Amino acid sequence: NGLLTPGQALYFRKDRSLAAIIRPDGHLVMDGVEGSIHALGTRLQNSAGNGWDLWFYEDKAGELHSIDELRQALRKAV
C-alpha cells in the first residue's frame, strides 16, 4: 500500500542503533540476517513477540511510530 517502502529503515523497540532495512519482498534484513517482522523480532529479543508491536518507522518529522499504527489505519480505511 506504499505506507512503507523497500530500503526504508525500521527500528527495533525504538532503538535507532537496531535498524533493519525493508526488502522488496517485505522481509527485513539486519546484519545479514533476513526474516519477517515477527521472526527477526523474536530473534532479537530471544523470545516470541508480535512484530507489529516491536518495529517502529520514522515519520517526516523524525518521530518514531509503531508499524501497528499503520496497520490499524489501513484496516479502518478498508
Protein backbone atom coordinates (compact mmCIF):
# COMPACT_ATOMS: atom_id res chain seq x y z
CA ASN A 1 0.00 0.00 0.00
CA GLY A 2 3.03 2.27 -0.14
CA LEU A 3 2.95 3.13 3.56
CA LEU A 4 6.44 1.68 3.96
CA THR A 5 8.91 1.25 1.12
CA PRO A 6 11.78 -1.06 0.24
CA GLY A 7 15.04 0.40 1.51
CA GLN A 8 13.34 2.17 4.41
CA ALA A 9 14.65 1.50 7.93
CA LEU A 10 12.58 0.10 10.77
CA TYR A 11 13.82 0.34 14.34
CA PHE A 12 13.53 -2.41 16.92
CA ARG A 13 11.79 -1.19 20.09
CA LYS A 14 12.50 2.44 19.13
CA ASP A 15 16.25 1.82 19.35
CA ARG A 16 17.85 3.64 16.44
CA SER A 17 21.00 1.52 16.84
CA LEU A 18 18.93 -1.57 15.93
CA ALA A 19 17.82 -0.72 12.42
CA ALA A 20 16.62 -3.22 9.84
CA ILE A 21 16.02 -2.44 6.18
CA ILE A 22 12.80 -3.37 4.39
CA ARG A 23 13.43 -5.64 1.39
CA PRO A 24 11.28 -5.54 -1.76
CA ASP A 25 9.58 -8.80 -0.66
CA GLY A 26 8.53 -7.20 2.65
CA HIS A 27 11.05 -9.05 4.81
CA LEU A 28 13.58 -7.22 6.93
CA VAL A 29 17.34 -7.58 6.81
CA MET A 30 19.69 -6.65 9.63
CA ASP A 31 23.39 -7.50 9.79
CA GLY A 32 22.94 -10.10 7.04
CA VAL A 33 20.03 -11.81 8.81
CA GLU A 34 16.72 -11.80 6.95
CA GLY A 35 13.23 -12.55 8.20
CA SER A 36 9.70 -11.35 8.74
CA ILE A 37 8.93 -8.67 11.31
CA HIS A 38 7.93 -11.48 13.66
CA ALA A 39 10.90 -13.80 13.05
CA LEU A 40 13.55 -11.08 13.25
CA GLY A 41 11.92 -9.57 16.33
CA THR A 42 11.83 -12.97 18.03
CA ARG A 43 15.49 -13.48 17.24
CA LEU A 44 16.49 -10.07 18.61
CA GLN A 45 14.65 -10.49 21.90
CA ASN A 46 15.28 -14.24 22.28
CA SER A 47 11.57 -14.91 22.74
CA ALA A 48 8.38 -14.82 20.72
CA GLY A 49 6.71 -11.49 20.19
CA ASN A 50 4.30 -9.61 17.97
CA GLY A 51 6.36 -7.98 15.25
CA TRP A 52 3.71 -5.30 14.75
CA ASP A 53 4.47 -4.01 18.25
CA LEU A 54 8.25 -4.41 18.08
CA TRP A 55 9.13 -2.38 14.99
CA PHE A 56 8.93 1.39 14.52
CA TYR A 57 9.19 3.64 11.48
CA GLU A 58 10.35 7.24 11.34
CA ASP A 59 7.92 9.87 10.06
CA LYS A 60 8.86 13.02 8.14
CA ALA A 61 9.25 14.95 11.40
CA GLY A 62 11.73 12.40 12.73
CA GLU A 63 9.32 10.86 15.24
CA LEU A 64 9.16 7.09 15.69
CA HIS A 65 5.81 5.29 15.48
CA SER A 66 4.79 1.66 15.76
CA ILE A 67 4.15 -0.06 12.45
CA ASP A 68 0.97 -1.35 14.12
CA GLU A 69 -0.39 2.21 13.86
CA LEU A 70 -0.12 1.91 10.07
CA ARG A 71 -1.79 -1.49 10.11
CA GLN A 72 -4.69 -0.17 12.21
CA ALA A 73 -5.15 2.87 9.95
CA LEU A 74 -5.18 0.64 6.87
CA ARG A 75 -7.75 -1.67 8.45
CA LYS A 76 -10.02 1.30 9.19
CA ALA A 77 -9.70 2.58 5.62
CA VAL A 78 -10.69 -0.76 4.08
